[in-house]
Amino acid sequence: MLLKQLSVFLENRPGRITQVTKVLDEIGVNISAFSIADTSDFGILRMIVDNIDAALQALKAQGFSVRTTQVVGLVVPHQPGGMHQALEHVDKAGIEIEYMYAFAYNSKAAVIIKADDTLKLVNVLTESGYHVLQEGELMHE
């Protein structure tokens, strides 16, 4: 029930994100979700892709600093309060969220969450009746 996320460390200069997407395009890897956080010197591009092993190998071969991280994909209703209600369960369980990013599709929203205890997060969410995404599920919605 955990998703694998790619984290690519990039120098903060023009064209670096395009270079990453070019590598993935050339090997036919599809991106489902991504987020970028930056400072004045570097950025971290986080992505959920359909073939993480191929992406990891290709990006490393092109000299990118990249690693994988386990995250949780949560589905919530795409409506006011949908995310808040889920996060109340997380908060009550004492789980600390390190970062998250989300996107809406159809009548649902998907939230990618990195937490201090991902297995506890999965258990809390599923016990609270939420749908937790399986590996590859975003590609088939």
C-alpha atoms as a PDB file:
ATOM      1  CA  MET A   1       0.000   0.000   0.000  1.00  0.00           C
ATOM      2  CA  LEU A   2       3.011   2.278  -0.084  1.00  0.00           C
ATOM      3  CA  LEU A   3       3.962   4.116  -3.242  1.00  0.00           C
ATOM      4  CA  LYS A   4       7.510   4.643  -4.413  1.00  0.00           C
ATOM      5  CA  GLN A   5       8.395   8.227  -5.201  1.00  0.00           C
ATOM      6  CA  LEU A   6      11.435   9.496  -7.097  1.00  0.00           C
ATOM      7  CA  SER A   7      13.271  12.453  -5.597  1.00  0.00           C
ATOM      8  CA  VAL A   8      15.645  14.184  -8.002  1.00  0.00           C
ATOM      9  CA  PHE A   9      18.058  16.791  -6.645  1.00  0.00           C
ATOM     10  CA  LEU A  10      18.597  19.595  -9.139  1.00  0.00           C
ATOM     11  CA  GLU A  11      20.784  22.655  -9.321  1.00  0.00           C
ATOM     12  CA  ASN A  12      18.594  25.723  -9.471  1.00  0.00           C
ATOM     13  CA  ARG A  13      19.317  26.745 -13.045  1.00  0.00           C
ATOM     14  CA  PRO A  14      17.268  27.052 -16.229  1.00  0.00           C
ATOM     15  CA  GLY A  15      16.464  23.866 -18.109  1.00  0.00           C
ATOM     16  CA  ARG A  16      17.127  21.304 -15.382  1.00  0.00           C
ATOM     17  CA  ILE A  17      13.515  20.156 -15.062  1.00  0.00           C
ATOM     18  CA  THR A  18      13.271  19.899 -18.839  1.00  0.00           C
ATOM     19  CA  GLN A  19      16.367  17.684 -18.855  1.00  0.00           C
ATOM     20  CA  VAL A  20      14.682  15.316 -16.391  1.00  0.00           C
ATOM     21  CA  THR A  21      11.451  15.167 -18.378  1.00  0.00           C
ATOM     22  CA  LYS A  22      13.447  14.564 -21.576  1.00  0.00           C
ATOM     23  CA  VAL A  23      15.144  11.505 -20.052  1.00  0.00           C
ATOM     24  CA  LEU A  24      11.780  10.118 -18.953  1.00  0.00           C
ATOM     25  CA  ASP A  25      10.215  10.866 -22.338  1.00  0.00           C
ATOM     26  CA  GLU A  26      13.021   9.065 -24.167  1.00  0.00           C
ATOM     27  CA  ILE A  27      12.459   5.862 -22.169  1.00  0.00           C
ATOM     28  CA  GLY A  28       8.660   6.068 -22.243  1.00  0.00           C
ATOM     29  CA  VAL A  29       8.083   6.678 -18.535  1.00  0.00           C
ATOM     30  CA  ASN A  30       4.865   8.478 -17.667  1.00  0.00           C
ATOM     31  CA  ILE A  31       4.599  10.955 -14.767  1.00  0.00           C
ATOM     32  CA  SER A  32       1.396  10.823 -12.690  1.00  0.00           C
ATOM     33  CA  ALA A  33       2.213  13.480 -10.118  1.00  0.00           C
ATOM     34  CA  PHE A  34       5.075  15.775  -9.296  1.00  0.00           C
ATOM     35  CA  SER A  35       6.079  18.564  -7.015  1.00  0.00           C
ATOM     36  CA  ILE A  36       9.115  20.773  -6.843  1.00  0.00           C
ATOM     37  CA  ALA A  37      10.483  22.561  -3.807  1.00  0.00           C
ATOM     38  CA  ASP A  38      13.409  24.898  -4.230  1.00  0.00           C
ATOM     39  CA  THR A  39      15.869  27.135  -2.494  1.00  0.00           C
ATOM     40  CA  SER A  40      18.148  29.677  -4.096  1.00  0.00           C
ATOM     41  CA  ASP A  41      20.742  26.969  -4.884  1.00  0.00           C
ATOM     42  CA  PHE A  42      18.885  23.708  -5.535  1.00  0.00           C
ATOM     43  CA  GLY A  43      15.515  22.054  -5.881  1.00  0.00           C
ATOM     44  CA  ILE A  44      13.989  18.682  -5.155  1.00  0.00           C
ATOM     45  CA  LEU A  45      11.708  17.311  -7.859  1.00  0.00           C
ATOM     46  CA  ARG A  46       9.436  14.627  -6.425  1.00  0.00           C
ATOM     47  CA  MET A  47       7.531  12.356  -8.819  1.00  0.00           C
ATOM     48  CA  ILE A  48       5.231   9.382  -8.983  1.00  0.00           C
ATOM     49  CA  VAL A  49       5.927   7.547 -12.252  1.00  0.00           C
ATOM     50  CA  ASP A  50       4.683   4.378 -13.931  1.00  0.00           C
ATOM     51  CA  ASN A  51       8.087   2.641 -14.075  1.00  0.00           C
ATOM     52  CA  ILE A  52      10.213   3.755 -11.167  1.00  0.00           C
ATOM     53  CA  ASP A  53      13.047   1.270 -11.785  1.00  0.00           C
ATOM     54  CA  ALA A  54      13.561   2.369 -15.396  1.00  0.00           C
ATOM     55  CA  ALA A  55      13.326   6.039 -14.410  1.00  0.00           C
ATOM     56  CA  LEU A  56      15.813   5.618 -11.564  1.00  0.00           C
ATOM     57  CA  GLN A  57      18.302   3.816 -13.789  1.00  0.00           C
ATOM     58  CA  ALA A  58      18.005   6.277 -16.691  1.00  0.00           C
ATOM     59  CA  LEU A  59      18.289   9.380 -14.512  1.00  0.00           C
ATOM     60  CA  LYS A  60      21.322   8.002 -12.665  1.00  0.00           C
ATOM     61  CA  ALA A  61      22.933   7.131 -16.014  1.00  0.00           C
ATOM     62  CA  GLN A  62      22.523  10.789 -17.020  1.00  0.00           C
ATOM     63  CA  GLY A  63      24.288  11.956 -13.850  1.00  0.00           C
ATOM     64  CA  PHE A  64      21.274  13.028 -11.807  1.00  0.00           C
ATOM     65  CA  SER A  65      21.302  12.589  -8.061  1.00  0.00           C
ATOM     66  CA  VAL A  66      18.141  10.584  -7.462  1.00  0.00           C
ATOM     67  CA  ARG A  67      16.664   8.342  -4.800  1.00  0.00           C
ATOM     68  CA  THR A  68      13.410   6.607  -3.983  1.00  0.00           C
ATOM     69  CA  THR A  69      11.191   7.262  -0.995  1.00  0.00           C
ATOM     70  CA  GLN A  70       8.115   5.470   0.271  1.00  0.00           C
ATOM     71  CA  VAL A  71       5.028   7.661   0.431  1.00  0.00           C
ATOM     72  CA  VAL A  72       1.314   7.155   0.907  1.00  0.00           C
ATOM     73  CA  GLY A  73      -1.265   7.996  -1.752  1.00  0.00           C
ATOM     74  CA  LEU A  74      -4.610   8.932  -0.266  1.00  0.00           C
ATOM     75  CA  VAL A  75      -7.884   9.432  -2.145  1.00  0.00           C
ATOM     76  CA  VAL A  76     -10.310  11.984  -0.731  1.00  0.00           C
ATOM     77  CA  PRO A  77     -13.504  13.501  -2.120  1.00  0.00           C
ATOM     78  CA  HIS A  78     -12.830  16.589  -4.225  1.00  0.00           C
ATOM     79  CA  GLN A  79     -15.069  18.847  -2.201  1.00  0.00           C
ATOM     80  CA  PRO A  80     -14.706  21.389   0.594  1.00  0.00           C
ATOM     81  CA  GLY A  81     -13.478  19.650   3.745  1.00  0.00           C
ATOM     82  CA  GLY A  82     -12.503  16.414   1.972  1.00  0.00           C
ATOM     83  CA  MET A  83      -8.821  16.685   2.827  1.00  0.00           C
ATOM     84  CA  HIS A  84      -9.411  18.256   6.229  1.00  0.00           C
ATOM     85  CA  GLN A  85     -11.515  15.329   7.426  1.00  0.00           C
ATOM     86  CA  ALA A  86      -8.791  12.840   6.487  1.00  0.00           C
ATOM     87  CA  LEU A  87      -6.051  14.943   8.070  1.00  0.00           C
ATOM     88  CA  GLU A  88      -7.980  15.104  11.350  1.00  0.00           C
ATOM     89  CA  HIS A  89      -7.519  11.318  11.666  1.00  0.00           C
ATOM     90  CA  VAL A  90      -3.804  11.693  10.937  1.00  0.00           C
ATOM     91  CA  ASP A  91      -3.457  14.448  13.520  1.00  0.00           C
ATOM     92  CA  LYS A  92      -5.351  12.507  16.212  1.00  0.00           C
ATOM     93  CA  ALA A  93      -3.026   9.539  15.643  1.00  0.00           C
ATOM     94  CA  GLY A  94       0.014  11.739  16.305  1.00  0.00           C
ATOM     95  CA  ILE A  95       1.505  11.209  12.852  1.00  0.00           C
ATOM     96  CA  GLU A  96       3.793  13.987  11.662  1.00  0.00           C
ATOM     97  CA  ILE A  97       3.597  14.947   8.013  1.00  0.00           C
ATOM     98  CA  GLU A  98       6.957  15.871   6.493  1.00  0.00           C
ATOM     99  CA  TYR A  99       5.462  17.081   3.208  1.00  0.00           C
ATOM    100  CA  MET A 100       2.553  16.475   0.903  1.00  0.00           C
ATOM    101  CA  TYR A 101       1.246  17.428  -2.506  1.00  0.00           C
ATOM    102  CA  ALA A 102      -2.111  16.873  -4.113  1.00  0.00           C
ATOM    103  CA  PHE A 103      -4.045  17.048  -7.345  1.00  0.00           C
ATOM    104  CA  ALA A 104      -7.696  16.670  -8.276  1.00  0.00           C
ATOM    105  CA  TYR A 105      -9.105  14.360 -10.906  1.00  0.00           C
ATOM    106  CA  ASN A 106     -12.792  13.842 -11.655  1.00  0.00           C
ATOM    107  CA  SER A 107     -14.714  13.943  -8.359  1.00  0.00           C
ATOM    108  CA  LYS A 108     -11.715  12.834  -6.297  1.00  0.00           C
ATOM    109  CA  ALA A 109      -8.422  14.242  -5.161  1.00  0.00           C
ATOM    110  CA  ALA A 110      -5.211  12.307  -4.662  1.00  0.00           C
ATOM    111  CA  VAL A 111      -2.867  13.359  -1.911  1.00  0.00           C
ATOM    112  CA  ILE A 112       0.727  12.139  -1.773  1.00  0.00           C
ATOM    113  CA  ILE A 113       1.993  12.170   1.820  1.00  0.00           C
ATOM    114  CA  LYS A 114       5.447  11.634   3.307  1.00  0.00           C
ATOM    115  CA  ALA A 115       5.092  11.055   7.036  1.00  0.00           C
ATOM    116  CA  ASP A 116       7.319  10.089   9.926  1.00  0.00           C
ATOM    117  CA  ASP A 117       5.583   6.675  10.122  1.00  0.00           C
ATOM    118  CA  THR A 118       4.163   5.650   6.754  1.00  0.00           C
ATOM    119  CA  LEU A 119       2.914   2.237   7.895  1.00  0.00           C
ATOM    120  CA  LYS A 120       0.998   3.766  10.798  1.00  0.00           C
ATOM    121  CA  LEU A 121      -0.401   6.345   8.366  1.00  0.00           C
ATOM    122  CA  VAL A 122      -1.696   3.605   6.050  1.00  0.00           C
ATOM    123  CA  ASN A 123      -3.310   1.787   8.982  1.00  0.00           C
ATOM    124  CA  VAL A 124      -4.979   4.931  10.359  1.00  0.00           C
ATOM    125  CA  LEU A 125      -6.338   5.928   6.964  1.00  0.00           C
ATOM    126  CA  THR A 126      -7.652   2.488   6.008  1.00  0.00           C
ATOM    127  CA  GLU A 127      -9.202   1.953   9.452  1.00  0.00           C
ATOM    128  CA  SER A 128     -10.916   5.341   9.011  1.00  0.00           C
ATOM    129  CA  GLY A 129     -12.446   4.141   5.735  1.00  0.00           C
ATOM    130  CA  TYR A 130     -10.177   5.971   3.273  1.00  0.00           C
ATOM    131  CA  HIS A 131      -8.884   4.516   0.026  1.00  0.00           C
ATOM    132  CA  VAL A 132      -5.088   4.279  -0.007  1.00  0.00           C
ATOM    133  CA  LEU A 133      -3.596   3.995  -3.477  1.00  0.00           C
ATOM    134  CA  GLN A 134      -1.738   0.912  -4.642  1.00  0.00           C
ATOM    135  CA  GLU A 135       1.404   1.064  -6.781  1.00  0.00           C
ATOM    136  CA  GLY A 136       0.394   1.828 -10.380  1.00  0.00           C
ATOM    137  CA  GLU A 137      -3.205   2.705  -9.536  1.00  0.00           C
ATOM    138  CA  LEU A 138      -2.878   6.344 -10.560  1.00  0.00           C
ATOM    139  CA  MET A 139      -2.031   5.245 -14.080  1.00  0.00           C
ATOM    140  CA  HIS A 140      -5.352   3.435 -14.474  1.00  0.00           C
ATOM    141  CA  GLU A 141      -7.851   5.957 -13.076  1.00  0.00           C
END
